[in-house]
C-alpha atoms as a PDB file:
ATOM      1  CA  MET A   1      -5.981  -6.760 -20.045  1.00  0.00           C
ATOM      2  CA  ALA A   2      -8.202  -9.752 -19.251  1.00  0.00           C
ATOM      3  CA  PRO A   3     -11.305  -9.113 -17.135  1.00  0.00           C
ATOM      4  CA  LEU A   4     -10.985  -9.740 -13.413  1.00  0.00           C
ATOM      5  CA  ARG A   5     -12.779 -12.821 -12.085  1.00  0.00           C
ATOM      6  CA  GLU A   6     -13.991 -13.845  -8.628  1.00  0.00           C
ATOM      7  CA  GLY A   7     -11.317 -15.738  -6.722  1.00  0.00           C
ATOM      8  CA  GLU A   8      -8.554 -14.485  -9.011  1.00  0.00           C
ATOM      9  CA  ARG A   9      -5.272 -13.473  -7.406  1.00  0.00           C
ATOM     10  CA  ILE A  10      -3.954 -10.176  -8.681  1.00  0.00           C
ATOM     11  CA  PRO A  11      -0.194 -10.199  -9.347  1.00  0.00           C
ATOM     12  CA  GLU A  12       1.682  -9.291  -6.187  1.00  0.00           C
ATOM     13  CA  LEU A  13       3.391  -5.948  -6.040  1.00  0.00           C
ATOM     14  CA  LYS A  14       6.813  -6.046  -4.418  1.00  0.00           C
ATOM     15  CA  VAL A  15       8.542  -2.753  -3.695  1.00  0.00           C
ATOM     16  CA  THR A  16      11.563  -1.931  -1.565  1.00  0.00           C
ATOM     17  CA  PRO A  17      11.459   1.681  -0.378  1.00  0.00           C
ATOM     18  CA  ASP A  18      14.936   3.180  -0.567  1.00  0.00           C
ATOM     19  CA  ARG A  19      16.615   4.846   2.378  1.00  0.00           C
ATOM     20  CA  TYR A  20      15.608   8.340   1.219  1.00  0.00           C
ATOM     21  CA  VAL A  21      11.922   7.749   0.446  1.00  0.00           C
ATOM     22  CA  THR A  22      10.715   9.245   3.743  1.00  0.00           C
ATOM     23  CA  TYR A  23      12.530  12.514   2.980  1.00  0.00           C
ATOM     24  CA  ARG A  24      11.100  12.723  -0.540  1.00  0.00           C
ATOM     25  CA  TYR A  25       7.626  11.779   0.678  1.00  0.00           C
ATOM     26  CA  ALA A  26       7.810  14.366   3.476  1.00  0.00           C
ATOM     27  CA  GLY A  27       8.481  17.047   0.885  1.00  0.00           C
ATOM     28  CA  ALA A  28       5.736  15.851  -1.442  1.00  0.00           C
ATOM     29  CA  SER A  29       3.132  15.415   1.294  1.00  0.00           C
ATOM     30  CA  GLY A  30       4.100  18.241   3.624  1.00  0.00           C
ATOM     31  CA  ASP A  31       4.280  15.740   6.517  1.00  0.00           C
ATOM     32  CA  PHE A  32       7.600  16.503   8.201  1.00  0.00           C
ATOM     33  CA  ASN A  33       6.837  14.633  11.426  1.00  0.00           C
ATOM     34  CA  PRO A  34      10.295  13.774  12.817  1.00  0.00           C
ATOM     35  CA  ILE A  35       9.395  10.072  13.166  1.00  0.00           C
ATOM     36  CA  HIS A  36       9.685   9.978   9.367  1.00  0.00           C
ATOM     37  CA  ILE A  37      12.829  12.053   8.836  1.00  0.00           C
ATOM     38  CA  ASP A  38      14.934  12.022  12.024  1.00  0.00           C
ATOM     39  CA  GLU A  39      16.465   8.635  12.860  1.00  0.00           C
ATOM     40  CA  GLU A  40      17.557   9.611  16.379  1.00  0.00           C
ATOM     41  CA  PHE A  41      14.213  11.207  17.271  1.00  0.00           C
ATOM     42  CA  ALA A  42      12.358   8.135  16.072  1.00  0.00           C
ATOM     43  CA  LYS A  43      14.526   5.918  18.284  1.00  0.00           C
ATOM     44  CA  GLN A  44      14.080   8.267  21.267  1.00  0.00           C
ATOM     45  CA  VAL A  45      10.309   7.797  21.078  1.00  0.00           C
ATOM     46  CA  GLY A  46      10.626   4.006  20.981  1.00  0.00           C
ATOM     47  CA  LEU A  47      10.564   3.286  17.266  1.00  0.00           C
ATOM     48  CA  PRO A  48      13.159   1.081  15.556  1.00  0.00           C
ATOM     49  CA  GLY A  49      14.171   4.074  13.425  1.00  0.00           C
ATOM     50  CA  ARG A  50      12.511   6.285  10.826  1.00  0.00           C
ATOM     51  CA  ILE A  51       9.196   4.809   9.703  1.00  0.00           C
ATOM     52  CA  LEU A  52       7.393   5.126   6.399  1.00  0.00           C
ATOM     53  CA  HIS A  53       4.465   7.482   6.077  1.00  0.00           C
ATOM     54  CA  GLY A  54       1.263   5.443   6.287  1.00  0.00           C
ATOM     55  CA  LEU A  55      -0.041   7.123   3.157  1.00  0.00           C
ATOM     56  CA  TYR A  56       3.091   6.031   1.270  1.00  0.00           C
ATOM     57  CA  THR A  57       2.214   2.447   2.128  1.00  0.00           C
ATOM     58  CA  MET A  58      -1.414   3.037   1.175  1.00  0.00           C
ATOM     59  CA  ALA A  59      -0.176   4.420  -2.146  1.00  0.00           C
ATOM     60  CA  GLN A  60       1.549   1.091  -2.821  1.00  0.00           C
ATOM     61  CA  VAL A  61      -1.774  -0.676  -2.233  1.00  0.00           C
ATOM     62  CA  ALA A  62      -3.429   1.726  -4.681  1.00  0.00           C
ATOM     63  CA  ARG A  63      -0.605   1.129  -7.165  1.00  0.00           C
ATOM     64  CA  ALA A  64      -1.152  -2.640  -7.072  1.00  0.00           C
ATOM     65  CA  GLN A  65      -4.851  -2.111  -7.785  1.00  0.00           C
ATOM     66  CA  THR A  66      -4.393   0.363 -10.611  1.00  0.00           C
ATOM     67  CA  GLU A  67      -1.810  -1.868 -12.294  1.00  0.00           C
ATOM     68  CA  ALA A  68      -4.257  -4.798 -12.119  1.00  0.00           C
ATOM     69  CA  GLY A  69      -7.197  -2.667 -13.224  1.00  0.00           C
ATOM     70  CA  GLY A  70      -5.479  -1.193 -16.274  1.00  0.00           C
ATOM     71  CA  GLY A  71      -4.725   2.278 -14.954  1.00  0.00           C
ATOM     72  CA  PRO A  72      -5.667   4.814 -12.300  1.00  0.00           C
ATOM     73  CA  GLU A  73      -9.039   5.508 -13.889  1.00  0.00           C
ATOM     74  CA  ALA A  74     -10.158   1.980 -12.919  1.00  0.00           C
ATOM     75  CA  LEU A  75      -9.858   2.615  -9.169  1.00  0.00           C
ATOM     76  CA  ARG A  76     -13.272   3.698  -7.896  1.00  0.00           C
ATOM     77  CA  ARG A  77     -12.768   3.314  -4.133  1.00  0.00           C
ATOM     78  CA  LEU A  78     -10.025   2.307  -1.718  1.00  0.00           C
ATOM     79  CA  ALA A  79     -10.232   1.729   2.030  1.00  0.00           C
ATOM     80  CA  VAL A  80      -7.436   0.378   4.230  1.00  0.00           C
ATOM     81  CA  GLN A  81      -6.752  -0.395   7.870  1.00  0.00           C
ATOM     82  CA  PHE A  82      -3.265   0.495   9.061  1.00  0.00           C
ATOM     83  CA  CYS A  83      -1.961  -2.123  11.482  1.00  0.00           C
ATOM     84  CA  GLY A  84       1.812  -1.787  11.581  1.00  0.00           C
ATOM     85  CA  MET A  85       4.784   0.392  10.779  1.00  0.00           C
ATOM     86  CA  GLY A  86       6.661   0.165   7.522  1.00  0.00           C
ATOM     87  CA  LEU A  87      10.404   0.681   7.407  1.00  0.00           C
ATOM     88  CA  PRO A  88      12.672   1.946   4.645  1.00  0.00           C
ATOM     89  CA  GLU A  89      14.954  -0.540   2.867  1.00  0.00           C
ATOM     90  CA  GLN A  90      12.709  -3.529   3.570  1.00  0.00           C
ATOM     91  CA  GLU A  91      10.551  -5.092   0.863  1.00  0.00           C
ATOM     92  CA  ILE A  92       6.796  -4.534   1.008  1.00  0.00           C
ATOM     93  CA  THR A  93       4.560  -7.156  -0.605  1.00  0.00           C
ATOM     94  CA  VAL A  94       1.014  -6.225  -1.595  1.00  0.00           C
ATOM     95  CA  SER A  95      -1.247  -9.257  -2.142  1.00  0.00           C
ATOM     96  CA  SER A  96      -4.775  -9.079  -3.510  1.00  0.00           C
ATOM     97  CA  VAL A  97      -7.633 -11.396  -4.432  1.00  0.00           C
ATOM     98  CA  VAL A  98     -10.891 -10.549  -6.210  1.00  0.00           C
ATOM     99  CA  ARG A  99     -13.739 -11.212  -3.776  1.00  0.00           C
ATOM    100  CA  GLU A 100     -16.590 -10.555  -6.190  1.00  0.00           C
ATOM    101  CA  VAL A 101     -17.505  -8.980  -9.491  1.00  0.00           C
ATOM    102  CA  ARG A 102     -20.884  -7.310  -9.920  1.00  0.00           C
ATOM    103  CA  ASP A 103     -22.364  -4.572 -12.083  1.00  0.00           C
ATOM    104  CA  GLY A 104     -19.045  -3.804 -13.775  1.00  0.00           C
ATOM    105  CA  VAL A 105     -17.095  -3.500 -10.514  1.00  0.00           C
ATOM    106  CA  ALA A 106     -14.565  -5.924  -9.019  1.00  0.00           C
ATOM    107  CA  VAL A 107     -14.269  -5.849  -5.222  1.00  0.00           C
ATOM    108  CA  VAL A 108     -10.696  -6.714  -4.245  1.00  0.00           C
ATOM    109  CA  ASP A 109      -9.389  -7.691  -0.790  1.00  0.00           C
ATOM    110  CA  THR A 110      -5.785  -6.700  -0.127  1.00  0.00           C
ATOM    111  CA  VAL A 111      -3.053  -6.843   2.516  1.00  0.00           C
ATOM    112  CA  ALA A 112       0.435  -5.324   2.601  1.00  0.00           C
ATOM    113  CA  GLU A 113       3.204  -7.105   4.490  1.00  0.00           C
ATOM    114  CA  GLN A 114       6.754  -6.292   5.393  1.00  0.00           C
ATOM    115  CA  GLY A 115       9.097  -8.736   7.079  1.00  0.00           C
ATOM    116  CA  GLY A 116       6.290 -11.270   7.501  1.00  0.00           C
ATOM    117  CA  LYS A 117       4.048  -8.796   9.366  1.00  0.00           C
ATOM    118  CA  GLN A 118       0.973  -7.081   8.017  1.00  0.00           C
ATOM    119  CA  ILE A 119       1.266  -3.308   7.880  1.00  0.00           C
ATOM    120  CA  ILE A 120      -2.067  -2.860   6.078  1.00  0.00           C
ATOM    121  CA  ARG A 121      -4.964  -5.249   6.479  1.00  0.00           C
ATOM    122  CA  ASN A 122      -8.622  -5.394   5.536  1.00  0.00           C
ATOM    123  CA  ALA A 123      -7.988  -3.216   2.504  1.00  0.00           C
ATOM    124  CA  GLU A 124     -10.819  -3.147   0.009  1.00  0.00           C
ATOM    125  CA  ALA A 125     -10.665  -1.719  -3.482  1.00  0.00           C
ATOM    126  CA  GLU A 126     -13.335  -1.343  -6.099  1.00  0.00           C
ATOM    127  CA  LEU A 127     -12.121  -1.516  -9.697  1.00  0.00           C
ATOM    128  CA  ALA A 128     -14.179  -0.772 -12.781  1.00  0.00           C
ATOM    129  CA  THR A 129     -14.124  -3.805 -15.047  1.00  0.00           C
ATOM    130  CA  ASP A 130     -15.635  -2.306 -18.192  1.00  0.00           C
END
């Protein structure tokens, strides 16, 4: 893998969560909030339907960083700001650009979008570059 450079765009990650991902993620995470697993309940509380777990979406941001950094051991820090709801069966695009590289660490700014709307913004990752 080539070293990351300031201003470099990291390859976008595009992922389309399947219709069952919220059920699998509920089991893995222990978060069985009905807004994630019960379509009718989610609609009753004003949502468009079941929504993705925020931490599932954050995991996609982490995945984009670890793929760019050469593996999970490269990710030193990750912070995100949730700003929208993700939905199953709609593509999520994670876009990242290297803001700076210093002392063996690349600082990467990232957003995640779905349907033209940001669902994660102001994400910042630190990746080891050596």
